Amino acid sequence: MSSSAATQPAPASATPPPRRLPAADPTPRSADGLLVSEAVYWAEYYLESDHHYEWNNGRLEEKPVSDFETFLVYAWFSELVRHFLRTHPCAQLVGLEMGFRLPLPTGTVIRKPDFGVVRNDNPQPLLPLDCSYRGVFDLCIEALSDQERSGIERDTVIKKAEYAAGGVPEYYILHQNPAHQAFYTRTPAGFYTPIAPQAGVICSRVLPGLQFRPTDLARRPELEALRDDPVYAGFVLPGWRADREQAATEARRADAEAQAKREAVNRADAEAQRADAEARRADAEAQARREAVNRADAEAQARREAVDRADAEAQTRQRLEHELAALRARLAQGQSDG
């Protein structure tokens, strides 16, 4: 997306190793404002460890230090960008005081943004052994130092103009005070215009999909909160969210299987209860039939016994009648004989 700057000197091959300060000097003095050539800057000051210098058209400029809360804003946002690039590996994130060279109409400057982004499709690739970037960053981010007026002006006015003129597509200024934060995109005319928030959200053009709420720079929510926030859910811990959704799906499937098993058990219990009820009904009907048969047998036995008694009584009457008849006959015979 960005235009490539003119090729800068290669510090590793075209210049001597960086200058080493004498070990006996415990508090080396700053060389801020010193006039040096570009070659001397690359050779002696670019990799300076005690002071971090940029080079502005022949003059050393020491990078100021931000306050701790601004550092926390910077650290939170850089971690957010790292999460985005893990999910969308479309660019490289660089820091560690890596500088880049901007030949401008007003003179050449060498700047070291607090961190920068180089897209994979940038005309100048960022090589693994590069100590300086030979192209133009696609995104530059500065953590504003407000300790001195010159530091504020350098980031908000001077570097803003330089980055725009040099072709940096986006430029962000971070600070613990929202009033000092700024997010710019470069117009086709080569000027920066503020990125208009959409529903309170800044959307990057350089890194499509990277979005954030400027208000979150002050709150700095934990990652666990961002992963469920619709603004950040697309690139913060998506693997955790996928695992959670998979676990939820498996839990739902397990619940459904358990429910199906419970329903099957309930159906089996209901069928068993129906079978038991039918068996009890069959037993009751069989018992009723047995009792009816027993009653019928008893009634038949009673009838037989009644018939037997009637037969016995009839036989008794018949015997008595015979005996009575015989007695009468003897009485009648006796009378006739007398």
Protein backbone atom coordinates (compact mmCIF):
# COMPACT_ATOMS: atom_id res chain seq x y z
CA MET A 1 0.00 0.00 0.00
CA SER A 2 2.85 2.37 0.72
CA SER A 3 5.45 3.80 -1.58
CA SER A 4 9.04 2.76 -1.04
CA ALA A 5 11.59 5.33 0.08
CA ALA A 6 14.98 5.70 -1.55
CA THR A 7 17.41 3.02 -0.47
CA GLN A 8 19.19 4.00 2.73
CA PRO A 9 22.72 2.95 3.71
CA ALA A 10 23.00 -0.55 5.07
CA PRO A 11 24.48 -0.20 8.55
CA ALA A 12 25.78 -3.76 8.68
CA SER A 13 27.80 -3.65 5.45
CA ALA A 14 28.38 -0.01 4.43
CA THR A 15 29.26 1.43 7.84
CA PRO A 16 31.56 0.45 10.71
CA PRO A 17 30.13 -1.19 13.84
CA PRO A 18 28.30 1.10 16.27
CA ARG A 19 30.38 3.17 18.63
CA ARG A 20 31.02 1.69 22.08
CA LEU A 21 31.07 4.17 24.94
CA PRO A 22 33.97 3.94 27.38
CA ALA A 23 33.17 1.60 30.23
CA ALA A 24 34.53 4.10 32.75
CA ASP A 25 31.78 6.66 31.96
CA PRO A 26 28.79 5.62 34.14
CA THR A 27 26.54 8.49 33.02
CA PRO A 28 27.22 9.25 29.34
CA ARG A 29 25.97 12.64 28.28
CA SER A 30 23.27 12.99 25.66
CA ALA A 31 24.31 14.10 22.18
CA ASP A 32 20.88 15.57 21.49
CA GLY A 33 21.17 18.40 18.95
CA LEU A 34 24.64 17.38 17.79
CA LEU A 35 25.30 17.92 14.07
CA VAL A 36 26.61 14.74 12.45
CA SER A 37 26.61 13.30 8.97
CA GLU A 38 24.24 10.52 8.04
CA ALA A 39 27.16 8.10 7.76
CA VAL A 40 28.32 8.97 11.28
CA TYR A 41 24.74 8.58 12.56
CA TRP A 42 24.45 5.04 11.12
CA ALA A 43 27.90 4.12 12.35
CA GLU A 44 27.94 5.62 15.83
CA TYR A 45 24.48 6.66 17.01
CA TYR A 46 21.82 4.49 15.35
CA LEU A 47 22.42 1.51 17.68
CA GLU A 48 23.32 3.64 20.72
CA SER A 49 22.21 1.71 23.80
CA ASP A 50 22.14 4.45 26.45
CA HIS A 51 20.34 7.02 24.29
CA HIS A 52 18.00 6.44 21.38
CA TYR A 53 18.58 8.93 18.61
CA GLU A 54 16.76 9.82 15.44
CA TRP A 55 18.40 11.89 12.73
CA ASN A 56 16.80 15.00 11.35
CA ASN A 57 18.59 16.34 8.30
CA GLY A 58 22.02 16.36 9.95
CA ARG A 59 21.04 16.80 13.61
CA LEU A 60 20.67 14.14 16.32
CA GLU A 61 17.34 14.10 18.13
CA GLU A 62 17.06 12.02 21.29
CA LYS A 63 13.77 10.18 21.64
CA PRO A 64 11.97 11.36 24.77
CA VAL A 65 10.56 8.96 27.37
CA SER A 66 6.83 8.56 27.95
CA ASP A 67 5.22 8.31 31.39
CA PHE A 68 4.34 4.88 32.78
CA GLU A 69 0.61 5.07 32.10
CA THR A 70 1.25 6.00 28.49
CA PHE A 71 3.58 3.01 28.31
CA LEU A 72 0.70 0.83 29.58
CA VAL A 73 -1.52 2.20 26.80
CA TYR A 74 1.24 1.48 24.29
CA ALA A 75 1.78 -2.06 25.67
CA TRP A 76 -1.95 -2.86 25.61
CA PHE A 77 -2.38 -1.64 22.06
CA SER A 78 0.75 -3.38 20.75
CA GLU A 79 -0.51 -6.64 22.31
CA LEU A 80 -3.85 -6.09 20.57
CA VAL A 81 -2.05 -5.70 17.23
CA ARG A 82 -0.03 -8.85 17.94
CA HIS A 83 -3.22 -10.81 18.53
CA PHE A 84 -4.62 -9.44 15.29
CA LEU A 85 -1.53 -10.45 13.32
CA ARG A 86 -1.60 -13.97 14.82
CA THR A 87 -5.13 -14.37 13.51
CA HIS A 88 -4.59 -12.39 10.29
CA PRO A 89 -0.90 -12.84 9.33
CA CYS A 90 -0.92 -10.11 6.71
CA ALA A 91 1.95 -8.03 8.10
CA GLN A 92 4.97 -7.89 10.39
CA LEU A 93 5.10 -5.89 13.62
CA VAL A 94 8.46 -4.27 14.38
CA GLY A 95 9.88 -2.31 17.28
CA LEU A 96 13.18 -2.50 19.13
CA GLU A 97 14.07 0.99 17.92
CA MET A 98 14.09 -0.04 14.26
CA GLY A 99 14.42 3.05 12.10
CA PHE A 100 13.61 3.92 8.50
CA ARG A 101 14.88 6.61 6.17
CA LEU A 102 12.62 9.23 4.62
CA PRO A 103 14.09 11.43 1.87
CA LEU A 104 11.73 14.44 1.98
CA PRO A 105 11.65 17.64 -0.06
CA THR A 106 12.83 19.49 3.05
CA GLY A 107 15.69 17.08 3.75
CA THR A 108 16.33 13.51 4.83
CA VAL A 109 15.19 12.22 8.22
CA ILE A 110 15.68 8.88 9.93
CA ARG A 111 12.86 8.06 12.33
CA LYS A 112 12.35 5.28 14.87
CA PRO A 113 8.64 4.89 15.57
CA ASP A 114 7.83 3.20 18.85
CA PHE A 115 6.52 0.40 16.73
CA GLY A 116 5.59 0.00 13.11
CA VAL A 117 3.82 -2.38 10.78
CA VAL A 118 5.07 -3.64 7.43
CA ARG A 119 2.45 -5.34 5.29
CA ASN A 120 3.41 -8.51 3.47
CA ASP A 121 2.60 -6.84 0.15
CA ASN A 122 4.81 -3.82 0.85
CA PRO A 123 7.14 -3.26 -2.14
CA GLN A 124 10.11 -3.45 0.24
CA PRO A 125 10.04 -6.71 2.25
CA LEU A 126 11.22 -6.72 5.83
CA LEU A 127 14.10 -9.20 5.93
CA PRO A 128 14.95 -11.32 9.00
CA LEU A 129 18.44 -9.83 9.47
CA ASP A 130 17.46 -6.20 8.86
CA CYS A 131 18.52 -3.78 11.61
CA SER A 132 16.78 -0.91 9.85
CA TYR A 133 13.87 -0.95 7.45
CA ARG A 134 14.74 0.10 3.91
CA GLY A 135 11.20 0.92 2.86
CA VAL A 136 8.33 2.93 4.33
CA PHE A 137 6.27 1.54 7.17
CA ASP A 138 2.59 1.00 6.44
CA LEU A 139 1.65 2.03 9.98
CA CYS A 140 3.68 4.08 12.46
CA ILE A 141 2.71 4.35 16.12
CA GLU A 142 4.22 6.77 18.59
CA ALA A 143 3.73 6.86 22.37
CA LEU A 144 3.57 10.59 23.04
CA SER A 145 5.89 12.14 25.59
CA ASP A 146 4.40 15.26 27.14
CA GLN A 147 7.29 16.08 29.47
CA GLU A 148 8.48 18.89 27.20
CA ARG A 149 6.71 20.97 24.62
CA SER A 150 9.29 19.96 22.02
CA GLY A 151 8.41 16.27 22.50
CA ILE A 152 4.72 16.94 21.98
CA GLU A 153 5.39 19.04 18.89
CA ARG A 154 7.75 16.44 17.44
CA ASP A 155 5.10 13.70 17.41
CA THR A 156 1.97 15.76 16.76
CA VAL A 157 3.33 18.20 14.17
CA ILE A 158 6.79 17.37 12.83
CA LYS A 159 6.56 13.59 12.55
CA LYS A 160 2.97 13.83 11.39
CA ALA A 161 4.06 16.01 8.47
CA GLU A 162 7.11 13.83 7.76
CA TYR A 163 5.19 10.54 7.81
CA ALA A 164 2.50 11.97 5.56
CA ALA A 165 5.04 13.38 3.10
CA GLY A 166 7.06 10.15 3.21
CA GLY A 167 4.02 8.01 2.32
CA VAL A 168 3.15 6.26 5.61
CA PRO A 169 -0.50 5.26 5.05
CA GLU A 170 -1.55 5.39 8.73
CA TYR A 171 -0.18 7.14 11.80
CA TYR A 172 -1.39 6.65 15.40
CA ILE A 173 -0.42 8.72 18.45
CA LEU A 174 -1.01 7.02 21.80
CA HIS A 175 -1.21 8.69 25.20
CA GLN A 176 -2.81 8.08 28.57
CA ASN A 177 -4.91 11.24 28.05
CA PRO A 178 -7.57 10.67 25.35
CA ALA A 179 -7.28 14.33 24.38
CA HIS A 180 -3.74 13.66 23.10
CA GLN A 181 -4.62 10.51 21.16
CA ALA A 182 -4.88 10.71 17.38
CA PHE A 183 -5.47 8.24 14.56
CA TYR A 184 -4.73 9.36 11.01
CA THR A 185 -5.10 7.93 7.54
CA ARG A 186 -3.34 9.35 4.50
CA THR A 187 -5.45 10.83 1.71
CA PRO A 188 -4.61 10.45 -2.01
CA ALA A 189 -3.38 14.05 -1.86
CA GLY A 190 -0.70 13.03 0.65
CA PHE A 191 -2.17 14.56 3.81
CA TYR A 192 -3.36 12.98 7.03
CA THR A 193 -7.01 13.13 8.00
CA PRO A 194 -8.41 11.77 11.27
CA ILE A 195 -10.00 8.33 11.02
CA ALA A 196 -13.69 8.83 11.69
CA PRO A 197 -14.93 6.40 14.38
CA GLN A 198 -17.82 4.17 13.42
CA ALA A 199 -20.11 3.71 16.43
CA GLY A 200 -17.14 4.65 18.62
CA VAL A 201 -14.80 2.19 16.90
CA ILE A 202 -11.62 2.99 14.92
CA CYS A 203 -11.16 0.69 11.90
CA SER A 204 -7.75 0.40 10.28
CA ARG A 205 -7.45 0.62 6.51
CA VAL A 206 -3.88 -0.70 6.53
CA LEU A 207 -4.87 -3.78 8.56
CA PRO A 208 -8.44 -4.61 7.47
CA GLY A 209 -10.23 -6.19 10.39
CA LEU A 210 -8.17 -4.47 13.08
CA GLN A 211 -10.57 -2.35 15.09
CA PHE A 212 -10.66 -0.92 18.57
CA ARG A 213 -12.44 1.56 20.80
CA PRO A 214 -10.27 4.53 21.76
CA THR A 215 -12.04 4.46 25.14
CA ASP A 216 -10.56 0.99 25.71
CA LEU A 217 -7.05 2.45 25.61
CA ALA A 218 -7.76 4.01 28.99
CA ARG A 219 -9.66 1.01 30.41
CA ARG A 220 -7.34 -1.62 28.90
CA PRO A 221 -9.68 -4.61 29.41
CA GLU A 222 -8.16 -8.02 30.00
CA LEU A 223 -8.02 -10.47 27.09
CA GLU A 224 -10.69 -12.62 28.73
CA ALA A 225 -13.08 -9.67 28.39
CA LEU A 226 -12.05 -8.89 24.81
CA ARG A 227 -12.59 -12.42 23.51
CA ASP A 228 -16.35 -12.08 24.06
CA ASP A 229 -16.56 -8.45 22.92
CA PRO A 230 -18.02 -8.21 19.38
CA VAL A 231 -15.46 -5.52 18.50
CA TYR A 232 -12.51 -7.81 19.26
CA ALA A 233 -13.98 -11.31 19.06
CA GLY A 234 -12.80 -11.76 15.47
CA PHE A 235 -9.11 -11.72 16.38
CA VAL A 236 -8.57 -11.95 20.15
CA LEU A 237 -8.20 -15.58 21.31
CA PRO A 238 -10.34 -17.05 18.52
CA GLY A 239 -8.89 -20.47 19.27
CA TRP A 240 -10.16 -20.28 22.84
CA ARG A 241 -13.58 -19.27 21.57
CA ALA A 242 -13.60 -22.10 19.02
CA ASP A 243 -12.61 -24.55 21.76
CA ARG A 244 -15.34 -23.18 23.99
CA GLU A 245 -17.92 -23.44 21.19
CA GLN A 246 -16.76 -26.98 20.45
CA ALA A 247 -17.00 -27.85 24.13
CA ALA A 248 -20.46 -26.29 24.26
CA THR A 249 -21.47 -28.27 21.17
CA GLU A 250 -20.14 -31.46 22.70
CA ALA A 251 -21.90 -30.64 25.97
CA ARG A 252 -25.15 -30.06 24.10
CA ARG A 253 -24.67 -33.32 22.22
CA ALA A 254 -23.93 -35.15 25.46
CA ASP A 255 -27.00 -33.56 27.05
CA ALA A 256 -29.10 -34.61 24.06
CA GLU A 257 -27.75 -38.16 24.26
CA ALA A 258 -28.36 -38.26 28.02
CA GLN A 259 -31.87 -36.90 27.46
CA ALA A 260 -32.48 -39.53 24.80
CA LYS A 261 -31.26 -42.21 27.19
CA ARG A 262 -33.49 -40.85 29.96
CA GLU A 263 -36.45 -40.84 27.60
CA ALA A 264 -35.65 -44.41 26.51
CA VAL A 265 -35.42 -45.49 30.15
CA ASN A 266 -38.68 -43.69 30.88
CA ARG A 267 -40.34 -45.41 27.92
CA ALA A 268 -38.98 -48.77 29.09
CA ASP A 269 -40.22 -48.05 32.61
CA ALA A 270 -43.63 -47.05 31.26
CA GLU A 271 -43.79 -50.20 29.12
CA ALA A 272 -42.74 -52.28 32.14
CA GLN A 273 -45.42 -50.61 34.23
CA ARG A 274 -48.01 -51.26 31.54
CA ALA A 275 -46.86 -54.88 31.34
CA ASP A 276 -47.06 -55.16 35.12
CA ALA A 277 -50.53 -53.64 35.09
CA GLU A 278 -51.63 -56.03 32.35
CA ALA A 279 -50.12 -58.95 34.27
CA ARG A 280 -51.93 -57.82 37.42
CA ARG A 281 -55.17 -57.50 35.46
CA ALA A 282 -54.62 -60.97 33.98
CA ASP A 283 -53.89 -62.36 37.42
CA ALA A 284 -56.99 -60.67 38.80
CA GLU A 285 -59.11 -62.03 35.95
CA ALA A 286 -57.66 -65.52 36.45
CA GLN A 287 -58.29 -65.26 40.18
CA ALA A 288 -61.82 -64.11 39.49
CA ARG A 289 -62.32 -67.05 37.14
CA ARG A 290 -60.90 -69.42 39.72
CA GLU A 291 -63.17 -67.97 42.37
CA ALA A 292 -66.16 -68.26 39.98
CA VAL A 293 -65.25 -71.87 39.28
CA ASN A 294 -64.87 -72.49 43.00
CA ARG A 295 -68.24 -70.89 43.65
CA ALA A 296 -69.77 -72.98 40.86
CA ASP A 297 -68.14 -76.10 42.31
CA ALA A 298 -69.43 -75.18 45.75
CA GLU A 299 -72.91 -74.56 44.42
CA ALA A 300 -72.81 -77.86 42.52
CA GLN A 301 -71.57 -79.61 45.65
CA ALA A 302 -74.35 -77.99 47.61
CA ARG A 303 -76.87 -79.09 45.02
CA ARG A 304 -75.48 -82.61 45.08
CA GLU A 305 -75.62 -82.64 48.84
CA ALA A 306 -79.22 -81.34 48.70
CA VAL A 307 -80.12 -84.08 46.21
CA ASP A 308 -78.44 -86.65 48.42
CA ARG A 309 -80.35 -85.39 51.43
CA ALA A 310 -83.60 -85.44 49.42
CA ASP A 311 -82.82 -88.99 48.24
CA ALA A 312 -82.03 -90.03 51.79
CA GLU A 313 -85.21 -88.44 53.07
CA ALA A 314 -87.21 -90.10 50.27
CA GLN A 315 -85.69 -93.47 51.08
CA THR A 316 -86.42 -92.93 54.75
CA ARG A 317 -90.04 -92.03 54.02
CA GLN A 318 -90.35 -94.95 51.67
CA ARG A 319 -88.94 -97.31 54.32
CA LEU A 320 -91.19 -95.87 56.92
CA GLU A 321 -94.13 -96.16 54.64
CA HIS A 322 -93.26 -99.82 53.98
CA GLU A 323 -92.87 -100.48 57.64
CA LEU A 324 -96.13 -98.68 58.36
CA ALA A 325 -97.84 -100.63 55.65
CA ALA A 326 -96.42 -103.86 57.01
CA LEU A 327 -97.55 -102.93 60.51
CA ARG A 328 -101.01 -102.18 59.28
CA ALA A 329 -101.06 -105.42 57.39
CA ARG A 330 -100.12 -107.36 60.55
CA LEU A 331 -102.68 -105.50 62.57
CA ALA A 332 -105.32 -106.22 60.01
CA GLN A 333 -104.33 -109.90 59.93
CA GLY A 334 -104.47 -110.05 63.67
CA GLN A 335 -107.96 -108.71 63.77
CA SER A 336 -109.09 -111.09 61.12
CA ASP A 337 -107.63 -114.04 63.02
CA GLY A 338 -109.34 -113.04 66.22
